[in-house]
């Protein structure tokens, strides 16, 4: 059945990345002799993440630690002089725990660069060329969250009491809001499925600088969207999806 243009409205909003300010809430204690380092983490722009500015229980991130050279002036190179390479951390009871509780000692008295990303991938081989794909089925909360690539880095950290990690969103987000003036349509919208066509789900990410590019040989796909429990004010249906930044 064809709908009159005046009876059905669809609004698309595209956010190309997210910006925000730093704060700290979650921590993990790492023993350095008789000293402890606390890793703090928070997520920028929590209003764009369904779980707010915190991670979900049992979320996993990968952590890289790159020490400075012996002069403690020259930075190390990610992927070449890693001290800790893609170490898995799990979010449990508002704290980050390393795999099986193993703690990372500070590499001597050197300054370090710390890199972290979500979601964790044990098969990541090249931190400068990480092949990441969003889920084509984002109808479930898990399918949506595992598509939300988050990235953090803290450079030139000296042995101290805390290492804050501010995670930012590396990809783009599409919000879809639908409103109808027809009662029968309003009642049926909750059973509606919305798909975004001709979207490339693949990208290459450089964890050193959060650079994201689309592979030249990547093929487009159809992305199913996640339906919000409560529609945006003045709309009958609200959905969202995460995609790599368009070319």
Protein backbone atom coordinates (compact mmCIF):
# COMPACT_ATOMS: atom_id res chain seq x y z
CA UNK A 1 0.00 0.00 0.00
CA UNK A 2 1.38 3.40 -0.94
CA UNK A 3 1.52 6.07 1.73
CA UNK A 4 1.00 9.75 1.16
CA UNK A 5 4.16 11.73 1.69
CA UNK A 6 2.45 13.91 4.30
CA UNK A 7 1.47 10.88 6.38
CA UNK A 8 4.85 9.22 6.99
CA UNK A 9 8.06 10.86 8.10
CA UNK A 10 11.52 9.33 8.39
CA UNK A 11 14.43 11.29 9.86
CA UNK A 12 18.04 10.12 9.49
CA UNK A 13 20.83 11.51 11.63
CA UNK A 14 24.44 10.52 10.96
CA UNK A 15 27.16 11.09 13.55
CA UNK A 16 30.68 10.84 12.10
CA UNK A 17 32.58 10.01 15.27
CA UNK A 18 32.13 11.30 18.80
CA UNK A 19 33.94 13.93 20.91
CA UNK A 20 33.88 14.49 24.66
CA UNK A 21 35.78 15.27 27.86
CA UNK A 22 37.83 13.08 30.13
CA UNK A 23 36.78 11.59 33.46
CA UNK A 24 37.70 8.40 35.32
CA UNK A 25 35.70 5.75 37.09
CA UNK A 26 36.89 2.13 36.63
CA UNK A 27 40.27 0.90 37.83
CA UNK A 28 42.66 -2.01 37.95
CA UNK A 29 45.58 -2.17 40.37
CA UNK A 30 48.94 -3.18 38.94
CA UNK A 31 51.74 -3.89 41.39
CA UNK A 32 55.07 -2.07 40.89
CA UNK A 33 57.16 -3.22 43.81
CA UNK A 34 55.46 -1.40 46.67
CA UNK A 35 53.56 0.92 44.29
CA UNK A 36 50.25 0.49 42.53
CA UNK A 37 49.02 1.91 39.23
CA UNK A 38 45.27 2.32 38.71
CA UNK A 39 43.89 2.12 35.19
CA UNK A 40 40.82 4.33 34.94
CA UNK A 41 38.43 4.23 32.00
CA UNK A 42 35.39 6.09 30.76
CA UNK A 43 33.55 6.44 27.45
CA UNK A 44 33.06 9.72 25.63
CA UNK A 45 29.58 10.83 24.59
CA UNK A 46 27.67 8.32 26.75
CA UNK A 47 24.37 9.45 25.22
CA UNK A 48 25.39 7.64 22.04
CA UNK A 49 26.04 4.34 23.85
CA UNK A 50 23.11 2.28 25.07
CA UNK A 51 24.96 1.34 28.28
CA UNK A 52 25.94 4.95 29.04
CA UNK A 53 29.53 5.94 29.80
CA UNK A 54 30.41 2.59 31.32
CA UNK A 55 31.18 -0.85 29.92
CA UNK A 56 28.89 -3.85 30.30
CA UNK A 57 29.68 -6.67 32.72
CA UNK A 58 32.14 -9.14 31.09
CA UNK A 59 33.06 -6.72 28.29
CA UNK A 60 36.61 -7.36 27.13
CA UNK A 61 39.27 -4.96 25.88
CA UNK A 62 42.76 -5.45 24.49
CA UNK A 63 45.63 -3.46 26.05
CA UNK A 64 49.05 -2.63 24.60
CA UNK A 65 51.91 -1.18 26.66
CA UNK A 66 54.88 0.30 24.79
CA UNK A 67 57.83 1.50 26.94
CA UNK A 68 60.08 4.39 26.01
CA UNK A 69 63.65 3.63 24.98
CA UNK A 70 66.44 3.49 27.58
CA UNK A 71 66.94 7.28 27.42
CA UNK A 72 63.31 7.61 28.64
CA UNK A 73 62.87 10.37 26.06
CA UNK A 74 62.34 8.49 22.81
CA UNK A 75 58.94 6.75 22.55
CA UNK A 76 58.72 3.11 21.56
CA UNK A 77 56.86 2.02 18.44
CA UNK A 78 53.54 0.23 18.66
CA UNK A 79 53.80 -3.16 17.02
CA UNK A 80 57.62 -3.19 17.20
CA UNK A 81 58.67 -2.60 20.81
CA UNK A 82 55.59 -3.73 22.74
CA UNK A 83 56.08 -4.72 26.37
CA UNK A 84 52.50 -5.98 26.66
CA UNK A 85 50.81 -7.04 23.43
CA UNK A 86 47.02 -7.26 23.19
CA UNK A 87 46.54 -8.26 26.83
CA UNK A 88 42.92 -9.21 27.50
CA UNK A 89 41.10 -7.36 30.28
CA UNK A 90 37.56 -8.20 31.42
CA UNK A 91 35.10 -5.81 33.05
CA UNK A 92 33.82 -7.37 36.27
CA UNK A 93 32.12 -5.72 39.24
CA UNK A 94 33.08 -2.22 38.00
CA UNK A 95 36.77 -3.17 37.71
CA UNK A 96 39.11 -4.27 34.93
CA UNK A 97 40.74 -7.64 35.56
CA UNK A 98 43.49 -9.16 33.44
CA UNK A 99 43.05 -12.69 32.20
CA UNK A 100 43.17 -15.10 35.16
CA UNK A 101 44.12 -12.21 37.46
CA UNK A 102 47.69 -11.85 36.13
CA UNK A 103 48.96 -8.32 36.86
CA UNK A 104 51.29 -6.33 34.63
CA UNK A 105 54.37 -4.95 36.41
CA UNK A 106 55.68 -1.60 35.23
CA UNK A 107 58.63 -2.06 32.82
CA UNK A 108 61.32 -0.61 35.06
CA UNK A 109 61.22 3.15 35.63
CA UNK A 110 60.50 4.02 32.00
CA UNK A 111 57.68 6.12 30.66
CA UNK A 112 55.11 4.17 28.69
CA UNK A 113 52.45 4.62 26.01
CA UNK A 114 49.21 2.73 26.67
CA UNK A 115 46.73 1.77 23.94
CA UNK A 116 43.41 -0.02 24.43
CA UNK A 117 40.48 -1.01 22.23
CA UNK A 118 37.06 -2.69 22.40
CA UNK A 119 35.80 -5.27 21.58
CA UNK A 120 38.72 -7.59 22.30
CA UNK A 121 39.95 -9.83 19.49
CA UNK A 122 42.47 -12.53 20.42
CA UNK A 123 43.36 -12.98 16.74
CA UNK A 124 44.52 -9.39 16.24
CA UNK A 125 47.98 -9.66 14.66
CA UNK A 126 48.88 -6.19 13.40
CA UNK A 127 47.98 -3.26 15.67
CA UNK A 128 48.72 -0.84 12.83
CA UNK A 129 46.38 -2.63 10.41
CA UNK A 130 43.49 -4.10 12.38
CA UNK A 131 40.76 -5.53 10.13
CA UNK A 132 37.44 -4.84 11.86
CA UNK A 133 33.89 -5.53 10.69
CA UNK A 134 30.62 -4.36 12.19
CA UNK A 135 27.86 -6.94 12.58
CA UNK A 136 25.38 -7.04 9.72
CA UNK A 137 22.76 -8.15 12.27
CA UNK A 138 22.48 -5.41 14.87
CA UNK A 139 18.92 -6.27 15.92
CA UNK A 140 20.22 -7.65 19.25
CA UNK A 141 22.01 -5.65 21.93
CA UNK A 142 25.09 -7.86 21.58
CA UNK A 143 25.17 -7.41 17.80
CA UNK A 144 25.01 -3.66 18.29
CA UNK A 145 27.61 -3.41 21.09
CA UNK A 146 30.24 -5.59 19.39
CA UNK A 147 29.99 -3.24 16.40
CA UNK A 148 30.78 -0.19 18.54
CA UNK A 149 34.56 0.06 18.13
CA UNK A 150 36.05 2.00 21.05
CA UNK A 151 39.62 3.22 21.28
CA UNK A 152 41.81 4.85 23.96
CA UNK A 153 45.43 5.86 24.32
CA UNK A 154 47.54 7.65 26.92
CA UNK A 155 51.02 8.66 25.80
CA UNK A 156 54.14 9.43 27.80
CA UNK A 157 52.86 8.12 31.12
CA UNK A 158 55.47 8.17 33.89
CA UNK A 159 55.34 5.78 36.86
CA UNK A 160 52.49 7.30 38.83
CA UNK A 161 49.37 6.55 40.81
CA UNK A 162 46.92 6.45 37.90
CA UNK A 163 46.66 5.97 34.15
CA UNK A 164 43.36 7.36 32.81
CA UNK A 165 42.03 5.88 29.58
CA UNK A 166 39.38 7.85 27.71
CA UNK A 167 37.60 5.64 25.17
CA UNK A 168 36.17 7.31 22.09
CA UNK A 169 33.89 5.90 19.39
CA UNK A 170 35.87 5.14 16.25
CA UNK A 171 33.01 4.53 13.81
CA UNK A 172 29.82 6.29 12.73
CA UNK A 173 26.29 5.97 14.03
CA UNK A 174 22.99 6.30 12.23
CA UNK A 175 19.79 7.19 14.10
CA UNK A 176 16.49 6.48 12.36
CA UNK A 177 13.29 8.05 13.74
CA UNK A 178 9.90 7.24 12.22
CA UNK A 179 6.54 8.94 12.76
CA UNK A 180 3.16 8.20 11.20
CA UNK A 181 -0.12 10.08 11.26
CA UNK A 182 -2.12 6.90 10.63
CA UNK A 183 -3.23 5.01 13.75
CA UNK A 184 -3.08 1.57 12.15
CA UNK A 185 0.50 2.22 11.03
CA UNK A 186 1.50 3.44 14.49
CA UNK A 187 0.23 0.20 16.03
CA UNK A 188 2.17 -1.99 13.58
CA UNK A 189 5.51 -0.16 13.73
CA UNK A 190 6.81 -2.23 16.66
CA UNK A 191 6.79 -5.27 14.35
CA UNK A 192 8.71 -3.37 11.67
CA UNK A 193 12.23 -4.33 10.59
CA UNK A 194 14.44 -1.62 9.12
CA UNK A 195 17.51 -2.34 7.00
CA UNK A 196 20.24 -0.03 5.67
CA UNK A 197 21.41 -1.14 2.25
CA UNK A 198 24.70 -0.72 0.36
CA UNK A 199 26.79 -0.21 3.50
CA UNK A 200 30.39 -1.42 3.64
CA UNK A 201 30.78 -3.25 7.00
CA UNK A 202 34.58 -3.62 6.84
CA UNK A 203 37.38 -1.22 7.74
CA UNK A 204 41.09 -1.08 8.59
CA UNK A 205 42.09 0.60 11.87
CA UNK A 206 45.49 1.89 12.95
CA UNK A 207 45.52 1.62 16.76
CA UNK A 208 48.43 4.06 16.96
CA UNK A 209 46.29 7.01 15.86
CA UNK A 210 42.74 5.64 15.53
CA UNK A 211 42.91 6.07 11.76
CA UNK A 212 40.02 4.32 9.99
CA UNK A 213 39.94 3.60 6.26
CA UNK A 214 37.68 1.51 4.05
CA UNK A 215 39.48 -1.27 2.11
CA UNK A 216 39.37 -0.67 -1.63
CA UNK A 217 38.13 -4.21 -2.26
CA UNK A 218 35.41 -4.17 0.42
CA UNK A 219 31.91 -5.13 -0.70
CA UNK A 220 28.66 -3.50 0.46
CA UNK A 221 26.13 -5.35 2.59
CA UNK A 222 22.73 -4.89 4.22
CA UNK A 223 22.75 -3.83 7.90
CA UNK A 224 19.78 -4.60 10.14
CA UNK A 225 19.14 -1.99 12.85
CA UNK A 226 18.66 -2.07 16.61
CA UNK A 227 15.24 -0.92 17.88
CA UNK A 228 15.29 1.33 20.93
CA UNK A 229 12.94 0.34 23.74
CA UNK A 230 11.61 3.89 24.04
CA UNK A 231 11.24 5.97 20.85
CA UNK A 232 12.69 9.45 20.70
CA UNK A 233 10.21 12.08 21.86
CA UNK A 234 7.54 12.87 19.24
CA UNK A 235 8.30 9.74 17.19
CA UNK A 236 6.63 6.32 17.03
CA UNK A 237 9.73 4.24 16.34
CA UNK A 238 13.48 4.82 16.84
CA UNK A 239 16.29 2.59 15.60
CA UNK A 240 20.06 2.86 15.39
CA UNK A 241 23.06 1.16 13.76
CA UNK A 242 26.84 1.52 13.72
CA UNK A 243 28.77 1.57 10.45
CA UNK A 244 32.32 2.40 9.36
CA UNK A 245 32.70 6.06 8.30
CA UNK A 246 31.41 6.31 4.69
CA UNK A 247 33.83 7.20 1.93
